[in-house]
Amino acid sequence: MTTMMALTLLQPWASLVAIGAKRYETRGWWTSYRGPLVITASKGFPMDCKRLAYKNEPFSSVLHAGGYTNVNSLIAVCGHALCVVDLMDCIRTQGYAPRFASHPPAEHEEAFGNYTTGRVAWITTNLRRLTSPIPVTGARGVWPLLPDTQARIESQLGARP
């Protein structure tokens, strides 16, 4: 069995990925990893991020449309694996969300990332949202899932991601 890798994001960004509203994850660093990537929501949820999620557009309306109707619904999934995406590529940003015919940016994509020139956009595809979020202990960077957590994710997806 190949070990699945994961990336922990703060809320509301983890949930934005899980509902398909964020396909480009912007980072200050590059990764050579390509393949299935489990997106987990960090246990911490800073107050400024809570305010951003429910007091700023397009965050509040997009999250609400995706089923996160209040801040407590985002808090409830902190410390959990939410979905699996395929990390296809990393590219340097040029001050705007990348535009590829095969993977166009989601509506509001630019509002959900930092596309300052020189940052890195991680291009994700093939979103598979977990039916029930799975508790995890996150880590920094791209990190390997524990075998039991991976088995729980794979069983929810019905097949190897």
N, C-alpha and C. Protein backbone atom coordinates (compact mmCIF):
# COMPACT_ATOMS: atom_id res chain seq x y z
N MET A 1 0.84 -1.17 0.00
CA MET A 1 0.00 0.00 0.00
C MET A 1 0.89 1.24 0.00
N THR A 2 0.61 2.15 -0.89
CA THR A 2 1.33 3.42 -0.95
C THR A 2 0.75 4.36 0.09
N THR A 3 1.61 4.99 0.86
CA THR A 3 1.15 5.91 1.89
C THR A 3 0.62 7.19 1.25
N MET A 4 -0.59 7.58 1.66
CA MET A 4 -1.17 8.83 1.20
C MET A 4 -0.54 9.98 1.97
N MET A 5 -0.44 11.11 1.31
CA MET A 5 0.12 12.32 1.91
C MET A 5 -1.03 13.28 2.22
N ALA A 6 -0.77 14.20 3.15
CA ALA A 6 -1.80 15.15 3.58
C ALA A 6 -1.21 16.55 3.70
N LEU A 7 -2.11 17.52 3.69
CA LEU A 7 -1.76 18.92 3.88
C LEU A 7 -2.80 19.51 4.82
N THR A 8 -2.34 20.16 5.88
CA THR A 8 -3.24 20.79 6.84
C THR A 8 -3.38 22.26 6.51
N LEU A 9 -4.63 22.71 6.41
CA LEU A 9 -4.94 24.11 6.13
C LEU A 9 -5.77 24.70 7.26
N LEU A 10 -5.61 25.98 7.50
CA LEU A 10 -6.49 26.69 8.42
C LEU A 10 -7.90 26.73 7.83
N GLN A 11 -8.87 26.88 8.71
CA GLN A 11 -10.21 27.20 8.27
C GLN A 11 -10.24 28.69 7.97
N PRO A 12 -11.00 29.15 7.01
CA PRO A 12 -11.99 28.45 6.21
C PRO A 12 -11.43 27.83 4.93
N TRP A 13 -10.11 27.94 4.71
CA TRP A 13 -9.55 27.48 3.45
C TRP A 13 -9.70 25.97 3.24
N ALA A 14 -9.56 25.19 4.32
CA ALA A 14 -9.73 23.74 4.19
C ALA A 14 -11.14 23.40 3.69
N SER A 15 -12.14 24.06 4.25
CA SER A 15 -13.52 23.79 3.83
C SER A 15 -13.80 24.32 2.43
N LEU A 16 -13.15 25.41 2.05
CA LEU A 16 -13.31 25.91 0.68
C LEU A 16 -12.79 24.90 -0.33
N VAL A 17 -11.68 24.23 -0.01
CA VAL A 17 -11.18 23.17 -0.89
C VAL A 17 -12.20 22.03 -0.92
N ALA A 18 -12.72 21.64 0.25
CA ALA A 18 -13.62 20.50 0.35
C ALA A 18 -14.93 20.68 -0.41
N ILE A 19 -15.37 21.93 -0.58
CA ILE A 19 -16.61 22.16 -1.33
C ILE A 19 -16.36 22.50 -2.80
N GLY A 20 -15.10 22.47 -3.21
CA GLY A 20 -14.77 22.71 -4.61
C GLY A 20 -14.66 24.17 -5.00
N ALA A 21 -14.67 25.07 -4.02
CA ALA A 21 -14.58 26.50 -4.30
C ALA A 21 -13.14 26.99 -4.42
N LYS A 22 -12.21 26.15 -4.03
CA LYS A 22 -10.79 26.52 -4.06
C LYS A 22 -10.01 25.36 -4.66
N ARG A 23 -9.51 25.56 -5.86
CA ARG A 23 -8.75 24.51 -6.56
C ARG A 23 -7.26 24.80 -6.61
N TYR A 24 -6.90 26.04 -6.31
CA TYR A 24 -5.50 26.43 -6.26
C TYR A 24 -5.17 26.78 -4.82
N GLU A 25 -4.26 26.04 -4.23
CA GLU A 25 -3.80 26.35 -2.88
C GLU A 25 -2.51 27.12 -3.01
N THR A 26 -2.49 28.35 -2.53
CA THR A 26 -1.29 29.18 -2.66
C THR A 26 -0.42 29.04 -1.42
N ARG A 27 0.85 28.89 -1.68
CA ARG A 27 1.84 28.65 -0.64
C ARG A 27 3.05 29.53 -0.91
N GLY A 28 3.90 29.65 0.07
CA GLY A 28 5.17 30.35 -0.10
C GLY A 28 6.27 29.38 -0.49
N TRP A 29 5.94 28.11 -0.68
CA TRP A 29 6.94 27.09 -0.97
C TRP A 29 6.42 26.09 -1.99
N TRP A 30 7.35 25.42 -2.60
CA TRP A 30 7.14 24.46 -3.67
C TRP A 30 7.18 23.05 -3.08
N THR A 31 6.50 22.10 -3.70
CA THR A 31 6.66 20.69 -3.34
C THR A 31 6.87 19.87 -4.61
N SER A 32 7.66 18.85 -4.51
CA SER A 32 7.85 17.94 -5.65
C SER A 32 6.81 16.83 -5.64
N TYR A 33 6.04 16.74 -4.55
CA TYR A 33 5.03 15.68 -4.45
C TYR A 33 3.92 15.89 -5.48
N ARG A 34 3.50 14.82 -6.12
CA ARG A 34 2.33 14.82 -7.02
C ARG A 34 1.53 13.57 -6.70
N GLY A 35 0.22 13.70 -6.69
CA GLY A 35 -0.63 12.55 -6.43
C GLY A 35 -1.73 12.89 -5.45
N PRO A 36 -2.39 11.87 -4.89
CA PRO A 36 -3.48 12.10 -3.95
C PRO A 36 -2.99 12.88 -2.73
N LEU A 37 -3.79 13.85 -2.32
CA LEU A 37 -3.44 14.70 -1.19
C LEU A 37 -4.69 14.87 -0.33
N VAL A 38 -4.61 14.42 0.91
CA VAL A 38 -5.72 14.57 1.85
C VAL A 38 -5.65 15.98 2.42
N ILE A 39 -6.78 16.68 2.39
CA ILE A 39 -6.85 18.02 2.95
C ILE A 39 -7.47 17.92 4.34
N THR A 40 -6.72 18.41 5.33
CA THR A 40 -7.21 18.40 6.70
C THR A 40 -7.34 19.83 7.21
N ALA A 41 -8.33 20.04 8.08
CA ALA A 41 -8.52 21.34 8.71
C ALA A 41 -7.74 21.35 10.02
N SER A 42 -6.96 22.38 10.23
CA SER A 42 -6.16 22.47 11.45
C SER A 42 -7.08 22.55 12.68
N LYS A 43 -6.54 22.16 13.82
CA LYS A 43 -7.31 22.24 15.06
C LYS A 43 -7.54 23.69 15.46
N GLY A 44 -6.55 24.53 15.20
CA GLY A 44 -6.69 25.94 15.54
C GLY A 44 -7.50 26.69 14.49
N PHE A 45 -8.27 27.66 14.94
CA PHE A 45 -9.10 28.46 14.06
C PHE A 45 -9.06 29.89 14.62
N PRO A 46 -8.04 30.67 14.22
CA PRO A 46 -7.85 32.01 14.77
C PRO A 46 -9.07 32.92 14.57
N MET A 47 -9.25 33.84 15.49
CA MET A 47 -10.41 34.74 15.46
C MET A 47 -10.47 35.54 14.16
N ASP A 48 -9.32 35.99 13.64
CA ASP A 48 -9.37 36.76 12.39
C ASP A 48 -9.86 35.90 11.23
N CYS A 49 -9.58 34.61 11.26
CA CYS A 49 -10.07 33.70 10.21
C CYS A 49 -11.57 33.47 10.37
N LYS A 50 -12.04 33.41 11.60
CA LYS A 50 -13.49 33.27 11.84
C LYS A 50 -14.23 34.49 11.30
N ARG A 51 -13.68 35.67 11.59
CA ARG A 51 -14.32 36.90 11.09
C ARG A 51 -14.31 36.93 9.57
N LEU A 52 -13.20 36.54 8.97
CA LEU A 52 -13.10 36.51 7.52
C LEU A 52 -14.17 35.59 6.93
N ALA A 53 -14.35 34.43 7.54
CA ALA A 53 -15.29 33.44 7.02
C ALA A 53 -16.73 33.92 7.03
N TYR A 54 -17.13 34.67 8.02
CA TYR A 54 -18.54 35.02 8.14
C TYR A 54 -18.86 36.50 8.12
N LYS A 55 -17.86 37.32 7.92
CA LYS A 55 -18.13 38.75 7.82
C LYS A 55 -17.64 39.33 6.51
N ASN A 56 -17.02 38.51 5.67
CA ASN A 56 -16.47 39.00 4.40
C ASN A 56 -16.99 38.19 3.23
N GLU A 57 -17.28 38.91 2.17
CA GLU A 57 -17.65 38.26 0.91
C GLU A 57 -16.40 38.14 0.05
N PRO A 58 -16.29 37.11 -0.77
CA PRO A 58 -17.29 36.08 -1.04
C PRO A 58 -17.25 34.89 -0.09
N PHE A 59 -16.39 34.95 0.94
CA PHE A 59 -16.25 33.82 1.86
C PHE A 59 -17.58 33.36 2.44
N SER A 60 -18.33 34.29 3.06
CA SER A 60 -19.54 33.88 3.77
C SER A 60 -20.58 33.26 2.85
N SER A 61 -20.82 33.84 1.70
CA SER A 61 -21.86 33.28 0.81
C SER A 61 -21.42 31.95 0.19
N VAL A 62 -20.16 31.83 -0.15
CA VAL A 62 -19.67 30.57 -0.75
C VAL A 62 -19.70 29.46 0.29
N LEU A 63 -19.24 29.75 1.51
CA LEU A 63 -19.28 28.73 2.56
C LEU A 63 -20.72 28.33 2.88
N HIS A 64 -21.61 29.30 2.97
CA HIS A 64 -23.02 29.01 3.25
C HIS A 64 -23.60 28.11 2.16
N ALA A 65 -23.33 28.45 0.91
CA ALA A 65 -23.84 27.62 -0.20
C ALA A 65 -23.26 26.21 -0.17
N GLY A 66 -22.06 26.05 0.40
CA GLY A 66 -21.42 24.75 0.49
C GLY A 66 -21.82 23.94 1.72
N GLY A 67 -22.75 24.48 2.51
CA GLY A 67 -23.25 23.74 3.67
C GLY A 67 -22.69 24.18 5.01
N TYR A 68 -21.76 25.12 4.99
CA TYR A 68 -21.21 25.64 6.24
C TYR A 68 -21.98 26.91 6.58
N THR A 69 -23.09 26.75 7.28
CA THR A 69 -24.04 27.83 7.47
C THR A 69 -23.71 28.79 8.60
N ASN A 70 -22.76 28.41 9.46
CA ASN A 70 -22.34 29.31 10.53
C ASN A 70 -20.93 28.91 10.98
N VAL A 71 -20.35 29.73 11.82
CA VAL A 71 -18.97 29.48 12.24
C VAL A 71 -18.85 28.16 12.99
N ASN A 72 -19.88 27.75 13.70
CA ASN A 72 -19.82 26.48 14.44
C ASN A 72 -19.70 25.29 13.50
N SER A 73 -20.25 25.39 12.30
CA SER A 73 -20.13 24.29 11.35
C SER A 73 -18.69 24.16 10.84
N LEU A 74 -17.95 25.25 10.81
CA LEU A 74 -16.53 25.19 10.47
C LEU A 74 -15.70 24.69 11.66
N ILE A 75 -16.04 25.13 12.84
CA ILE A 75 -15.34 24.69 14.05
C ILE A 75 -15.49 23.19 14.22
N ALA A 76 -16.66 22.65 13.89
CA ALA A 76 -16.96 21.22 14.09
C ALA A 76 -16.01 20.31 13.31
N VAL A 77 -15.46 20.79 12.20
CA VAL A 77 -14.57 19.94 11.39
C VAL A 77 -13.09 20.28 11.57
N CYS A 78 -12.78 21.19 12.48
CA CYS A 78 -11.37 21.45 12.79
C CYS A 78 -10.75 20.18 13.34
N GLY A 79 -9.52 19.89 12.91
CA GLY A 79 -8.85 18.68 13.36
C GLY A 79 -9.33 17.43 12.65
N HIS A 80 -9.90 17.60 11.44
CA HIS A 80 -10.43 16.47 10.68
C HIS A 80 -9.95 16.50 9.23
N ALA A 81 -9.85 15.30 8.65
CA ALA A 81 -9.64 15.17 7.21
C ALA A 81 -10.99 15.42 6.54
N LEU A 82 -10.99 16.26 5.50
CA LEU A 82 -12.24 16.65 4.86
C LEU A 82 -12.42 16.08 3.45
N CYS A 83 -11.31 15.95 2.73
CA CYS A 83 -11.42 15.52 1.33
C CYS A 83 -10.07 15.04 0.83
N VAL A 84 -10.11 14.50 -0.38
CA VAL A 84 -8.89 14.12 -1.09
C VAL A 84 -8.93 14.80 -2.44
N VAL A 85 -7.82 15.38 -2.83
CA VAL A 85 -7.66 15.97 -4.16
C VAL A 85 -6.41 15.36 -4.77
N ASP A 86 -6.24 15.54 -6.05
CA ASP A 86 -4.99 15.15 -6.69
C ASP A 86 -4.17 16.40 -6.92
N LEU A 87 -2.97 16.42 -6.38
CA LEU A 87 -2.05 17.53 -6.62
C LEU A 87 -1.37 17.29 -7.95
N MET A 88 -1.70 18.12 -8.93
CA MET A 88 -1.23 17.92 -10.30
C MET A 88 0.07 18.64 -10.61
N ASP A 89 0.22 19.84 -10.06
CA ASP A 89 1.40 20.63 -10.42
C ASP A 89 1.52 21.80 -9.45
N CYS A 90 2.66 22.44 -9.47
CA CYS A 90 2.92 23.67 -8.74
C CYS A 90 3.48 24.66 -9.75
N ILE A 91 2.97 25.89 -9.72
CA ILE A 91 3.49 26.92 -10.62
C ILE A 91 3.68 28.22 -9.85
N ARG A 92 4.63 29.01 -10.30
CA ARG A 92 4.85 30.33 -9.70
C ARG A 92 3.69 31.24 -10.08
N THR A 93 3.24 32.04 -9.13
CA THR A 93 2.13 32.95 -9.39
C THR A 93 2.66 34.23 -10.04
N GLN A 94 1.76 34.90 -10.71
CA GLN A 94 2.11 36.13 -11.41
C GLN A 94 1.20 37.29 -11.00
N GLY A 95 0.61 37.18 -9.81
CA GLY A 95 -0.26 38.25 -9.34
C GLY A 95 -1.73 38.00 -9.60
N TYR A 96 -2.08 36.82 -10.11
CA TYR A 96 -3.49 36.47 -10.38
C TYR A 96 -3.60 34.95 -10.39
N ALA A 97 -4.84 34.46 -10.26
CA ALA A 97 -5.08 33.02 -10.28
C ALA A 97 -4.74 32.47 -11.66
N PRO A 98 -4.06 31.33 -11.73
CA PRO A 98 -3.74 30.74 -13.03
C PRO A 98 -5.00 30.40 -13.81
N ARG A 99 -4.89 30.41 -15.12
CA ARG A 99 -6.02 30.07 -15.98
C ARG A 99 -5.58 29.04 -16.99
N PHE A 100 -6.05 27.82 -16.79
CA PHE A 100 -5.76 26.72 -17.70
C PHE A 100 -7.07 26.22 -18.27
N ALA A 101 -7.11 25.98 -19.55
CA ALA A 101 -8.34 25.49 -20.18
C ALA A 101 -8.78 24.18 -19.53
N SER A 102 -7.84 23.33 -19.15
CA SER A 102 -8.18 22.04 -18.57
C SER A 102 -8.56 22.14 -17.09
N HIS A 103 -8.25 23.25 -16.46
CA HIS A 103 -8.52 23.40 -15.03
C HIS A 103 -8.76 24.87 -14.71
N PRO A 104 -9.89 25.42 -15.17
CA PRO A 104 -10.15 26.84 -14.95
C PRO A 104 -10.34 27.15 -13.47
N PRO A 105 -10.04 28.37 -13.07
CA PRO A 105 -10.23 28.72 -11.66
C PRO A 105 -11.71 28.68 -11.30
N ALA A 106 -12.00 28.30 -10.07
CA ALA A 106 -13.37 28.33 -9.57
C ALA A 106 -13.80 29.79 -9.44
N GLU A 107 -15.10 30.00 -9.41
CA GLU A 107 -15.61 31.35 -9.18
C GLU A 107 -15.06 31.85 -7.85
N HIS A 108 -14.61 33.06 -7.79
CA HIS A 108 -14.05 33.69 -6.60
C HIS A 108 -12.67 33.15 -6.22
N GLU A 109 -12.06 32.35 -7.07
CA GLU A 109 -10.77 31.72 -6.75
C GLU A 109 -9.73 32.74 -6.28
N GLU A 110 -9.66 33.88 -6.92
CA GLU A 110 -8.64 34.85 -6.56
C GLU A 110 -8.82 35.40 -5.15
N ALA A 111 -10.07 35.44 -4.66
CA ALA A 111 -10.32 35.94 -3.30
C ALA A 111 -9.82 34.96 -2.24
N PHE A 112 -9.66 33.69 -2.61
CA PHE A 112 -9.35 32.65 -1.62
C PHE A 112 -7.87 32.30 -1.54
N GLY A 113 -7.02 33.05 -2.25
CA GLY A 113 -5.60 32.74 -2.21
C GLY A 113 -4.76 34.00 -2.26
N ASN A 114 -3.47 33.82 -2.08
CA ASN A 114 -2.51 34.93 -2.17
C ASN A 114 -1.69 34.71 -3.43
N TYR A 115 -2.03 35.43 -4.47
CA TYR A 115 -1.39 35.26 -5.77
C TYR A 115 -0.29 36.28 -6.02
N THR A 116 0.26 36.85 -4.96
CA THR A 116 1.36 37.79 -5.10
C THR A 116 2.45 37.15 -5.96
N THR A 117 3.02 37.92 -6.86
CA THR A 117 4.07 37.41 -7.73
C THR A 117 5.16 36.73 -6.91
N GLY A 118 5.54 35.54 -7.36
CA GLY A 118 6.60 34.79 -6.70
C GLY A 118 6.12 33.72 -5.75
N ARG A 119 4.83 33.73 -5.39
CA ARG A 119 4.31 32.65 -4.56
C ARG A 119 4.06 31.44 -5.45
N VAL A 120 3.56 30.36 -4.88
CA VAL A 120 3.36 29.12 -5.63
C VAL A 120 1.91 28.69 -5.53
N ALA A 121 1.29 28.40 -6.68
CA ALA A 121 -0.07 27.87 -6.72
C ALA A 121 0.01 26.36 -6.91
N TRP A 122 -0.58 25.63 -5.98
CA TRP A 122 -0.66 24.18 -6.07
C TRP A 122 -1.96 23.87 -6.80
N ILE A 123 -1.87 23.24 -7.94
CA ILE A 123 -3.04 22.98 -8.78
C ILE A 123 -3.63 21.62 -8.40
N THR A 124 -4.89 21.63 -7.95
CA THR A 124 -5.55 20.39 -7.56
C THR A 124 -6.71 20.07 -8.49
N THR A 125 -6.96 18.78 -8.63
CA THR A 125 -8.09 18.28 -9.43
C THR A 125 -8.72 17.11 -8.70
N ASN A 126 -9.79 16.58 -9.28
CA ASN A 126 -10.41 15.33 -8.84
C ASN A 126 -10.76 15.34 -7.35
N LEU A 127 -11.56 16.31 -6.95
CA LEU A 127 -12.02 16.42 -5.57
C LEU A 127 -12.89 15.24 -5.18
N ARG A 128 -12.56 14.61 -4.04
CA ARG A 128 -13.39 13.57 -3.45
C ARG A 128 -13.64 13.96 -2.00
N ARG A 129 -14.85 14.44 -1.72
CA ARG A 129 -15.21 14.88 -0.37
C ARG A 129 -15.58 13.67 0.48
N LEU A 130 -15.07 13.65 1.70
CA LEU A 130 -15.41 12.56 2.60
C LEU A 130 -16.84 12.73 3.10
N THR A 131 -17.56 11.63 3.19
CA THR A 131 -18.95 11.70 3.67
C THR A 131 -19.00 12.03 5.15
N SER A 132 -18.00 11.58 5.90
CA SER A 132 -17.88 11.90 7.32
C SER A 132 -16.44 12.30 7.59
N PRO A 133 -16.20 13.54 8.02
CA PRO A 133 -14.83 13.95 8.34
C PRO A 133 -14.20 13.01 9.36
N ILE A 134 -12.90 12.78 9.20
CA ILE A 134 -12.17 11.83 10.04
C ILE A 134 -11.17 12.60 10.90
N PRO A 135 -11.20 12.39 12.23
CA PRO A 135 -10.25 13.08 13.11
C PRO A 135 -8.80 12.73 12.74
N VAL A 136 -7.96 13.76 12.72
CA VAL A 136 -6.53 13.57 12.44
C VAL A 136 -5.73 14.55 13.30
N THR A 137 -4.48 14.21 13.48
CA THR A 137 -3.54 15.15 14.06
C THR A 137 -2.70 15.66 12.90
N GLY A 138 -2.84 16.93 12.60
CA GLY A 138 -2.15 17.50 11.45
C GLY A 138 -0.68 17.73 11.70
N ALA A 139 -0.03 18.28 10.70
CA ALA A 139 1.39 18.60 10.78
C ALA A 139 1.68 19.71 9.78
N ARG A 140 2.87 20.23 9.83
CA ARG A 140 3.29 21.25 8.86
C ARG A 140 3.82 20.58 7.61
N GLY A 141 3.70 21.28 6.50
CA GLY A 141 4.19 20.74 5.24
C GLY A 141 3.30 19.62 4.72
N VAL A 142 3.84 18.85 3.79
CA VAL A 142 3.15 17.67 3.27
C VAL A 142 3.60 16.51 4.14
N TRP A 143 2.66 15.80 4.72
CA TRP A 143 3.00 14.77 5.70
C TRP A 143 2.24 13.47 5.42
N PRO A 144 2.82 12.33 5.84
CA PRO A 144 2.20 11.03 5.57
C PRO A 144 1.10 10.70 6.58
N LEU A 145 0.01 10.14 6.08
CA LEU A 145 -1.07 9.70 6.96
C LEU A 145 -0.67 8.44 7.70
N LEU A 146 -1.22 8.28 8.87
CA LEU A 146 -1.05 7.01 9.58
C LEU A 146 -1.87 5.95 8.85
N PRO A 147 -1.41 4.69 8.85
CA PRO A 147 -2.12 3.64 8.11
C PRO A 147 -3.59 3.48 8.48
N ASP A 148 -3.94 3.58 9.77
CA ASP A 148 -5.34 3.41 10.15
C ASP A 148 -6.21 4.57 9.64
N THR A 149 -5.66 5.77 9.64
CA THR A 149 -6.39 6.92 9.10
C THR A 149 -6.56 6.77 7.59
N GLN A 150 -5.52 6.35 6.92
CA GLN A 150 -5.61 6.12 5.48
C GLN A 150 -6.67 5.07 5.16
N ALA A 151 -6.71 4.00 5.92
CA ALA A 151 -7.70 2.94 5.69
C ALA A 151 -9.12 3.47 5.87
N ARG A 152 -9.33 4.32 6.86
CA ARG A 152 -10.66 4.91 7.07
C ARG A 152 -11.06 5.81 5.90
N ILE A 153 -10.10 6.58 5.40
CA ILE A 153 -10.39 7.45 4.25
C ILE A 153 -10.70 6.60 3.02
N GLU A 154 -9.87 5.61 2.75
CA GLU A 154 -10.09 4.77 1.58
C GLU A 154 -11.43 4.04 1.66
N SER A 155 -11.82 3.62 2.84
CA SER A 155 -13.11 2.91 2.95
C SER A 155 -14.27 3.85 2.66
N GLN A 156 -14.15 5.12 3.04
CA GLN A 156 -15.20 6.10 2.72
C GLN A 156 -15.27 6.37 1.23
N LEU A 157 -14.13 6.38 0.59
CA LEU A 157 -14.11 6.68 -0.84
C LEU A 157 -14.50 5.47 -1.68
N GLY A 158 -14.49 4.30 -1.07
CA GLY A 158 -14.91 3.09 -1.77
C GLY A 158 -13.85 2.45 -2.64
N ALA A 159 -12.77 3.14 -2.81
CA ALA A 159 -11.66 2.63 -3.63
C ALA A 159 -10.44 3.45 -3.29
N ARG A 160 -9.31 2.98 -3.73
CA ARG A 160 -8.10 3.75 -3.47
C ARG A 160 -8.18 5.07 -4.21
N PRO A 161 -7.88 6.17 -3.49
CA PRO A 161 -7.95 7.50 -4.13
C PRO A 161 -6.91 7.69 -5.20
